[in-house]
Amino acid sequence: MNMEDKSGLITHYLRTNKTLEIFLEIDTVYFQLNYFEKGELICNIDDEMDRLYFVVKGKVKVYTITSEGKKLILRFINPLAIVGDIELIQNSKAHNVVEACSDVIAISISNTVIRNKLLHDPIFMKFLLENIANTLKISTRFTALNLLYPVEVRVASYLLSISTDSNGNMYKGDLDTTSVTSIADFIGVSYRHVIRVLQRFYNDKLIEKSNGVIVIKDFSRMKEVAKDNIYEQ
């Protein structure tokens, strides 16, 4: 891809996600286009964060890992998702794992460029702080919902989140991350509890197994069980 094509694509994605006006004073030469395949990490816990990422296409999930090695889901994010904003403000390493749930396109810009050219820009800072505030609000709400909702709602929501793209369309490929252990770890419940819920979903014909993976059979009914997906509200 030549520089002109790259610049045009960056401008297109910024405009599509309504962020072009925030970077009017920054030449597109400072931006990078980053491509992540499904399952690839955008960042891991304690990674050095030297860039701010704007996910403009695809879906990502954010999770933490306990000292016992268990993964606990924090949230799923659709575009426009920003990765590294809190770390930028705190000048810290990555706090969580951010993983691509589908093929992802992100635009990134160096933290050095941001500190030199944007930290005193009121439009950019307003945008950044509003996003951080929204992230904290969503995280607080998510924690409450994860404690209050029954396990079947959480399992249904998790299955929906890893089975649909950022537009809510079902993936055509196999769902290769739906092992019972990973579901239990991610939503913070016991293996046996997830087994019971999945068995109920099988009996109700909400899901089926295809080539060893779980596939949602009745998308609309699953959304009802998931309360329209508590992990993406």
C-alpha atoms as a PDB file:
ATOM      1  CA  MET A   1       0.000   0.000   0.000  1.00  0.00           C
ATOM      2  CA  ASN A   2       1.479   3.359  -1.000  1.00  0.00           C
ATOM      3  CA  MET A   3       1.460   6.380   1.287  1.00  0.00           C
ATOM      4  CA  GLU A   4      -1.405   8.065  -0.586  1.00  0.00           C
ATOM      5  CA  ASP A   5      -3.640   4.989  -0.284  1.00  0.00           C
ATOM      6  CA  LYS A   6      -2.733   4.617   3.395  1.00  0.00           C
ATOM      7  CA  SER A   7      -3.503   8.284   4.096  1.00  0.00           C
ATOM      8  CA  GLY A   8      -6.839   8.025   2.313  1.00  0.00           C
ATOM      9  CA  LEU A   9      -7.798   4.897   4.252  1.00  0.00           C
ATOM     10  CA  ILE A  10      -6.870   6.481   7.578  1.00  0.00           C
ATOM     11  CA  THR A  11      -8.930   9.563   6.720  1.00  0.00           C
ATOM     12  CA  HIS A  12     -11.842   7.326   5.689  1.00  0.00           C
ATOM     13  CA  TYR A  13     -11.836   5.415   8.979  1.00  0.00           C
ATOM     14  CA  LEU A  14     -11.478   8.583  11.065  1.00  0.00           C
ATOM     15  CA  ARG A  15     -14.386  10.170   9.212  1.00  0.00           C
ATOM     16  CA  THR A  16     -16.536   7.030   9.423  1.00  0.00           C
ATOM     17  CA  ASN A  17     -16.024   6.884  13.191  1.00  0.00           C
ATOM     18  CA  LYS A  18     -16.616  10.638  13.593  1.00  0.00           C
ATOM     19  CA  THR A  19     -13.141  11.398  14.901  1.00  0.00           C
ATOM     20  CA  LEU A  20     -11.652  13.242  11.922  1.00  0.00           C
ATOM     21  CA  GLU A  21     -12.274  16.682  13.430  1.00  0.00           C
ATOM     22  CA  ILE A  22     -10.309  15.697  16.541  1.00  0.00           C
ATOM     23  CA  PHE A  23      -7.136  15.231  14.503  1.00  0.00           C
ATOM     24  CA  LEU A  24      -7.426  18.052  11.984  1.00  0.00           C
ATOM     25  CA  GLU A  25      -4.109  19.509  13.145  1.00  0.00           C
ATOM     26  CA  ILE A  26      -2.253  16.182  12.845  1.00  0.00           C
ATOM     27  CA  ASP A  27      -0.860  14.952   9.531  1.00  0.00           C
ATOM     28  CA  THR A  28      -1.896  11.375   8.700  1.00  0.00           C
ATOM     29  CA  VAL A  29       1.809  10.517   8.368  1.00  0.00           C
ATOM     30  CA  TYR A  30       1.849  10.222  12.174  1.00  0.00           C
ATOM     31  CA  PHE A  31      -0.771   7.435  12.128  1.00  0.00           C
ATOM     32  CA  GLN A  32      -0.302   3.716  11.567  1.00  0.00           C
ATOM     33  CA  LEU A  33      -2.786   1.191  10.233  1.00  0.00           C
ATOM     34  CA  ASN A  34      -2.701  -1.940  12.391  1.00  0.00           C
ATOM     35  CA  TYR A  35      -4.294  -5.261  11.463  1.00  0.00           C
ATOM     36  CA  PHE A  36      -5.029  -7.954  14.050  1.00  0.00           C
ATOM     37  CA  GLU A  37      -6.335 -11.432  13.304  1.00  0.00           C
ATOM     38  CA  LYS A  38      -9.024 -13.071  15.416  1.00  0.00           C
ATOM     39  CA  GLY A  39      -7.412 -14.241  18.671  1.00  0.00           C
ATOM     40  CA  GLU A  40      -4.406 -11.936  18.344  1.00  0.00           C
ATOM     41  CA  LEU A  41      -3.569  -9.678  21.287  1.00  0.00           C
ATOM     42  CA  ILE A  42      -3.528  -5.922  20.868  1.00  0.00           C
ATOM     43  CA  CYS A  43      -1.875  -5.747  24.270  1.00  0.00           C
ATOM     44  CA  ASN A  44      -1.144  -8.013  27.213  1.00  0.00           C
ATOM     45  CA  ILE A  45      -0.978  -7.206  30.912  1.00  0.00           C
ATOM     46  CA  ASP A  46       2.182  -5.244  31.766  1.00  0.00           C
ATOM     47  CA  ASP A  47       3.026  -4.548  28.126  1.00  0.00           C
ATOM     48  CA  GLU A  48       4.711  -1.222  27.495  1.00  0.00           C
ATOM     49  CA  MET A  49       2.052   0.999  25.916  1.00  0.00           C
ATOM     50  CA  ASP A  50       3.740   3.446  23.585  1.00  0.00           C
ATOM     51  CA  ARG A  51       0.795   3.951  21.226  1.00  0.00           C
ATOM     52  CA  LEU A  52      -2.881   4.852  21.473  1.00  0.00           C
ATOM     53  CA  TYR A  53      -5.103   2.534  19.417  1.00  0.00           C
ATOM     54  CA  PHE A  54      -8.462   3.346  17.857  1.00  0.00           C
ATOM     55  CA  VAL A  55     -10.295   0.173  16.840  1.00  0.00           C
ATOM     56  CA  VAL A  56     -12.233   1.227  13.741  1.00  0.00           C
ATOM     57  CA  LYS A  57     -13.374  -2.170  12.485  1.00  0.00           C
ATOM     58  CA  GLY A  58     -14.070  -5.444  14.287  1.00  0.00           C
ATOM     59  CA  LYS A  59     -14.690  -6.360  17.903  1.00  0.00           C
ATOM     60  CA  VAL A  60     -12.317  -6.724  20.866  1.00  0.00           C
ATOM     61  CA  LYS A  61     -12.680  -8.198  24.321  1.00  0.00           C
ATOM     62  CA  VAL A  62     -10.996  -6.877  27.431  1.00  0.00           C
ATOM     63  CA  TYR A  63     -10.141  -9.245  30.258  1.00  0.00           C
ATOM     64  CA  THR A  64      -7.841  -9.645  33.210  1.00  0.00           C
ATOM     65  CA  ILE A  65      -5.927 -12.700  34.410  1.00  0.00           C
ATOM     66  CA  THR A  66      -5.931 -13.716  38.066  1.00  0.00           C
ATOM     67  CA  SER A  67      -2.875 -14.898  39.978  1.00  0.00           C
ATOM     68  CA  GLU A  68      -4.199 -18.459  39.478  1.00  0.00           C
ATOM     69  CA  GLY A  69      -4.138 -17.946  35.710  1.00  0.00           C
ATOM     70  CA  LYS A  70      -7.905 -17.670  35.273  1.00  0.00           C
ATOM     71  CA  LYS A  71      -9.298 -15.167  32.799  1.00  0.00           C
ATOM     72  CA  LEU A  72     -12.137 -12.869  33.844  1.00  0.00           C
ATOM     73  CA  ILE A  73     -13.984 -10.959  31.167  1.00  0.00           C
ATOM     74  CA  LEU A  74     -14.346  -7.222  31.736  1.00  0.00           C
ATOM     75  CA  ARG A  75     -16.162  -6.105  28.608  1.00  0.00           C
ATOM     76  CA  PHE A  76     -16.546  -6.440  24.853  1.00  0.00           C
ATOM     77  CA  ILE A  77     -16.064  -3.312  22.752  1.00  0.00           C
ATOM     78  CA  ASN A  78     -17.208  -2.412  19.259  1.00  0.00           C
ATOM     79  CA  PRO A  79     -15.899   0.545  17.235  1.00  0.00           C
ATOM     80  CA  LEU A  80     -14.971   3.101  18.150  1.00  0.00           C
ATOM     81  CA  ALA A  81     -12.920   1.313  20.825  1.00  0.00           C
ATOM     82  CA  ILE A  82      -9.904   3.072  22.309  1.00  0.00           C
ATOM     83  CA  VAL A  83      -7.044   1.029  23.743  1.00  0.00           C
ATOM     84  CA  GLY A  84      -4.354   2.614  25.895  1.00  0.00           C
ATOM     85  CA  ASP A  85      -6.070   5.829  26.992  1.00  0.00           C
ATOM     86  CA  ILE A  86      -5.784   5.241  30.736  1.00  0.00           C
ATOM     87  CA  GLU A  87      -2.207   4.034  30.314  1.00  0.00           C
ATOM     88  CA  LEU A  88      -1.420   7.207  28.354  1.00  0.00           C
ATOM     89  CA  ILE A  89      -2.710   9.464  31.130  1.00  0.00           C
ATOM     90  CA  GLN A  90      -1.045   7.423  33.880  1.00  0.00           C
ATOM     91  CA  ASN A  91       2.123   6.776  31.866  1.00  0.00           C
ATOM     92  CA  SER A  92       1.784   3.135  32.896  1.00  0.00           C
ATOM     93  CA  LYS A  93       1.990  -0.357  31.457  1.00  0.00           C
ATOM     94  CA  ALA A  94      -1.115  -2.145  30.155  1.00  0.00           C
ATOM     95  CA  HIS A  95      -3.619  -2.929  32.907  1.00  0.00           C
ATOM     96  CA  ASN A  96      -5.594  -5.600  31.020  1.00  0.00           C
ATOM     97  CA  VAL A  97      -5.486  -7.959  28.067  1.00  0.00           C
ATOM     98  CA  VAL A  98      -7.162  -6.726  24.879  1.00  0.00           C
ATOM     99  CA  GLU A  99      -7.818  -9.477  22.325  1.00  0.00           C
ATOM    100  CA  ALA A 100      -9.343  -9.368  18.849  1.00  0.00           C
ATOM    101  CA  CYS A 101     -12.640 -11.305  18.735  1.00  0.00           C
ATOM    102  CA  SER A 102     -12.700 -10.962  14.951  1.00  0.00           C
ATOM    103  CA  ASP A 103     -10.331  -9.593  12.364  1.00  0.00           C
ATOM    104  CA  VAL A 104      -9.661  -6.060  13.584  1.00  0.00           C
ATOM    105  CA  ILE A 105      -8.421  -2.863  11.981  1.00  0.00           C
ATOM    106  CA  ALA A 106      -7.017  -0.197  14.286  1.00  0.00           C
ATOM    107  CA  ILE A 107      -5.468   3.199  13.730  1.00  0.00           C
ATOM    108  CA  SER A 108      -2.710   4.072  16.168  1.00  0.00           C
ATOM    109  CA  ILE A 109      -0.638   7.099  17.020  1.00  0.00           C
ATOM    110  CA  SER A 110       2.514   7.354  19.109  1.00  0.00           C
ATOM    111  CA  ASN A 111       2.138   8.548  22.699  1.00  0.00           C
ATOM    112  CA  THR A 112       5.143  10.776  22.072  1.00  0.00           C
ATOM    113  CA  VAL A 113       3.291  12.559  19.269  1.00  0.00           C
ATOM    114  CA  ILE A 114       0.233  12.905  21.490  1.00  0.00           C
ATOM    115  CA  ARG A 115       2.253  14.408  24.334  1.00  0.00           C
ATOM    116  CA  ASN A 116       4.048  16.808  21.995  1.00  0.00           C
ATOM    117  CA  LYS A 117       1.122  17.890  19.851  1.00  0.00           C
ATOM    118  CA  LEU A 118      -2.223  17.029  21.448  1.00  0.00           C
ATOM    119  CA  LEU A 119      -2.125  17.114  25.249  1.00  0.00           C
ATOM    120  CA  HIS A 120      -2.791  20.859  25.212  1.00  0.00           C
ATOM    121  CA  ASP A 121      -5.496  20.580  22.550  1.00  0.00           C
ATOM    122  CA  PRO A 122      -8.872  21.105  24.324  1.00  0.00           C
ATOM    123  CA  ILE A 123     -10.832  19.206  21.653  1.00  0.00           C
ATOM    124  CA  PHE A 124      -8.621  16.127  21.902  1.00  0.00           C
ATOM    125  CA  MET A 125      -8.453  16.206  25.699  1.00  0.00           C
ATOM    126  CA  LYS A 126     -12.237  16.536  25.971  1.00  0.00           C
ATOM    127  CA  PHE A 127     -12.621  13.539  23.662  1.00  0.00           C
ATOM    128  CA  LEU A 128     -10.057  11.496  25.606  1.00  0.00           C
ATOM    129  CA  LEU A 129     -11.453  12.285  29.062  1.00  0.00           C
ATOM    130  CA  GLU A 130     -15.032  11.626  27.945  1.00  0.00           C
ATOM    131  CA  ASN A 131     -13.944   8.220  26.687  1.00  0.00           C
ATOM    132  CA  ILE A 132     -12.148   7.410  29.957  1.00  0.00           C
ATOM    133  CA  ALA A 133     -15.207   8.479  31.952  1.00  0.00           C
ATOM    134  CA  ASN A 134     -17.419   6.313  29.749  1.00  0.00           C
ATOM    135  CA  THR A 135     -15.070   3.352  30.177  1.00  0.00           C
ATOM    136  CA  LEU A 136     -15.208   3.690  33.966  1.00  0.00           C
ATOM    137  CA  LYS A 137     -19.002   3.968  33.874  1.00  0.00           C
ATOM    138  CA  ILE A 138     -19.310   0.861  31.709  1.00  0.00           C
ATOM    139  CA  SER A 139     -16.853  -1.071  33.896  1.00  0.00           C
ATOM    140  CA  THR A 140     -18.765  -0.191  37.064  1.00  0.00           C
ATOM    141  CA  ARG A 141     -22.073  -1.155  35.484  1.00  0.00           C
ATOM    142  CA  PHE A 142     -20.592  -4.338  34.063  1.00  0.00           C
ATOM    143  CA  THR A 143     -19.287  -5.445  37.466  1.00  0.00           C
ATOM    144  CA  ALA A 144     -22.714  -4.907  39.014  1.00  0.00           C
ATOM    145  CA  LEU A 145     -24.494  -6.752  36.196  1.00  0.00           C
ATOM    146  CA  ASN A 146     -22.066  -9.654  36.345  1.00  0.00           C
ATOM    147  CA  LEU A 147     -22.880 -10.098  40.028  1.00  0.00           C
ATOM    148  CA  LEU A 148     -26.637  -9.580  39.780  1.00  0.00           C
ATOM    149  CA  TYR A 149     -27.640 -11.465  36.642  1.00  0.00           C
ATOM    150  CA  PRO A 150     -28.207 -15.253  36.694  1.00  0.00           C
ATOM    151  CA  VAL A 151     -25.506 -17.445  35.196  1.00  0.00           C
ATOM    152  CA  GLU A 152     -27.674 -18.386  32.202  1.00  0.00           C
ATOM    153  CA  VAL A 153     -27.887 -14.704  31.209  1.00  0.00           C
ATOM    154  CA  ARG A 154     -24.117 -14.355  31.485  1.00  0.00           C
ATOM    155  CA  VAL A 155     -23.416 -17.536  29.496  1.00  0.00           C
ATOM    156  CA  ALA A 156     -25.870 -16.493  26.778  1.00  0.00           C
ATOM    157  CA  SER A 157     -24.338 -13.013  26.612  1.00  0.00           C
ATOM    158  CA  TYR A 158     -20.813 -14.407  26.374  1.00  0.00           C
ATOM    159  CA  LEU A 159     -21.787 -16.809  23.582  1.00  0.00           C
ATOM    160  CA  LEU A 160     -23.423 -13.962  21.670  1.00  0.00           C
ATOM    161  CA  SER A 161     -20.403 -11.716  22.096  1.00  0.00           C
ATOM    162  CA  ILE A 162     -17.939 -14.239  20.698  1.00  0.00           C
ATOM    163  CA  SER A 163     -20.353 -15.326  17.949  1.00  0.00           C
ATOM    164  CA  THR A 164     -21.211 -11.977  16.373  1.00  0.00           C
ATOM    165  CA  ASP A 165     -19.240  -9.208  14.726  1.00  0.00           C
ATOM    166  CA  SER A 166     -19.402  -5.511  15.621  1.00  0.00           C
ATOM    167  CA  ASN A 167     -22.602  -5.155  13.560  1.00  0.00           C
ATOM    168  CA  GLY A 168     -24.355  -8.030  15.313  1.00  0.00           C
ATOM    169  CA  ASN A 169     -23.959 -10.438  12.385  1.00  0.00           C
ATOM    170  CA  MET A 170     -23.217 -14.074  13.110  1.00  0.00           C
ATOM    171  CA  TYR A 171     -19.722 -15.286  12.305  1.00  0.00           C
ATOM    172  CA  LYS A 172     -19.555 -17.759   9.462  1.00  0.00           C
ATOM    173  CA  GLY A 173     -16.508 -19.514  10.834  1.00  0.00           C
ATOM    174  CA  ASP A 174     -16.225 -22.026  13.654  1.00  0.00           C
ATOM    175  CA  LEU A 175     -16.396 -20.689  17.194  1.00  0.00           C
ATOM    176  CA  ASP A 176     -13.123 -22.131  18.374  1.00  0.00           C
ATOM    177  CA  THR A 177     -13.027 -20.372  21.750  1.00  0.00           C
ATOM    178  CA  THR A 178     -16.145 -21.897  23.268  1.00  0.00           C
ATOM    179  CA  SER A 179     -14.688 -24.578  25.531  1.00  0.00           C
ATOM    180  CA  VAL A 180     -16.604 -24.931  28.761  1.00  0.00           C
ATOM    181  CA  THR A 181     -13.508 -24.126  30.805  1.00  0.00           C
ATOM    182  CA  SER A 182     -12.922 -20.844  28.994  1.00  0.00           C
ATOM    183  CA  ILE A 183     -16.577 -19.832  29.389  1.00  0.00           C
ATOM    184  CA  ALA A 184     -16.472 -20.618  33.117  1.00  0.00           C
ATOM    185  CA  ASP A 185     -13.220 -18.717  33.612  1.00  0.00           C
ATOM    186  CA  PHE A 186     -14.276 -15.702  31.605  1.00  0.00           C
ATOM    187  CA  ILE A 187     -17.586 -15.139  33.394  1.00  0.00           C
ATOM    188  CA  GLY A 188     -16.308 -16.182  36.822  1.00  0.00           C
ATOM    189  CA  VAL A 189     -18.449 -19.231  37.630  1.00  0.00           C
ATOM    190  CA  SER A 190     -17.837 -22.940  38.174  1.00  0.00           C
ATOM    191  CA  TYR A 191     -17.316 -25.451  35.378  1.00  0.00           C
ATOM    192  CA  ARG A 192     -20.257 -27.559  36.570  1.00  0.00           C
ATOM    193  CA  HIS A 193     -22.587 -24.574  36.616  1.00  0.00           C
ATOM    194  CA  VAL A 194     -21.756 -23.767  33.004  1.00  0.00           C
ATOM    195  CA  ILE A 195     -22.296 -27.425  32.036  1.00  0.00           C
ATOM    196  CA  ARG A 196     -25.801 -27.325  33.536  1.00  0.00           C
ATOM    197  CA  VAL A 197     -26.649 -24.100  31.709  1.00  0.00           C
ATOM    198  CA  LEU A 198     -25.331 -25.386  28.382  1.00  0.00           C
ATOM    199  CA  GLN A 199     -27.287 -28.612  28.789  1.00  0.00           C
ATOM    200  CA  ARG A 200     -30.430 -26.543  29.301  1.00  0.00           C
ATOM    201  CA  PHE A 201     -29.597 -24.555  26.148  1.00  0.00           C
ATOM    202  CA  TYR A 202     -29.152 -27.837  24.231  1.00  0.00           C
ATOM    203  CA  ASN A 203     -32.492 -29.136  25.474  1.00  0.00           C
ATOM    204  CA  ASP A 204     -34.202 -25.874  24.517  1.00  0.00           C
ATOM    205  CA  LYS A 205     -32.570 -26.045  21.062  1.00  0.00           C
ATOM    206  CA  LEU A 206     -30.808 -22.718  21.541  1.00  0.00           C
ATOM    207  CA  ILE A 207     -27.406 -24.186  20.693  1.00  0.00           C
ATOM    208  CA  GLU A 208     -25.931 -27.227  19.009  1.00  0.00           C
ATOM    209  CA  LYS A 209     -22.509 -28.789  18.621  1.00  0.00           C
ATOM    210  CA  SER A 210     -20.864 -28.756  15.226  1.00  0.00           C
ATOM    211  CA  ASN A 211     -17.402 -30.262  14.709  1.00  0.00           C
ATOM    212  CA  GLY A 212     -16.740 -30.049  18.439  1.00  0.00           C
ATOM    213  CA  VAL A 213     -17.656 -26.396  18.900  1.00  0.00           C
ATOM    214  CA  ILE A 214     -20.757 -24.676  20.240  1.00  0.00           C
ATOM    215  CA  VAL A 215     -22.935 -22.950  17.656  1.00  0.00           C
ATOM    216  CA  ILE A 216     -25.926 -20.741  18.374  1.00  0.00           C
ATOM    217  CA  LYS A 217     -28.947 -22.306  16.688  1.00  0.00           C
ATOM    218  CA  ASP A 218     -31.656 -19.772  17.574  1.00  0.00           C
ATOM    219  CA  PHE A 219     -30.129 -16.292  17.569  1.00  0.00           C
ATOM    220  CA  SER A 220     -33.279 -14.312  18.457  1.00  0.00           C
ATOM    221  CA  ARG A 221     -34.211 -16.531  21.402  1.00  0.00           C
ATOM    222  CA  MET A 222     -30.632 -16.473  22.653  1.00  0.00           C
ATOM    223  CA  LYS A 223     -30.768 -12.664  22.640  1.00  0.00           C
ATOM    224  CA  GLU A 224     -33.910 -12.849  24.786  1.00  0.00           C
ATOM    225  CA  VAL A 225     -32.170 -15.123  27.293  1.00  0.00           C
ATOM    226  CA  ALA A 226     -29.153 -12.780  27.280  1.00  0.00           C
ATOM    227  CA  LYS A 227     -31.324  -9.710  27.957  1.00  0.00           C
ATOM    228  CA  ASP A 228     -30.021  -8.279  24.649  1.00  0.00           C
ATOM    229  CA  ASN A 229     -26.462  -9.135  25.753  1.00  0.00           C
ATOM    230  CA  ILE A 230     -25.427  -7.578  29.060  1.00  0.00           C
ATOM    231  CA  TYR A 231     -21.770  -7.527  27.968  1.00  0.00           C
ATOM    232  CA  GLU A 232     -22.350  -5.082  25.113  1.00  0.00           C
ATOM    233  CA  GLN A 233     -24.956  -2.626  26.429  1.00  0.00           C
END
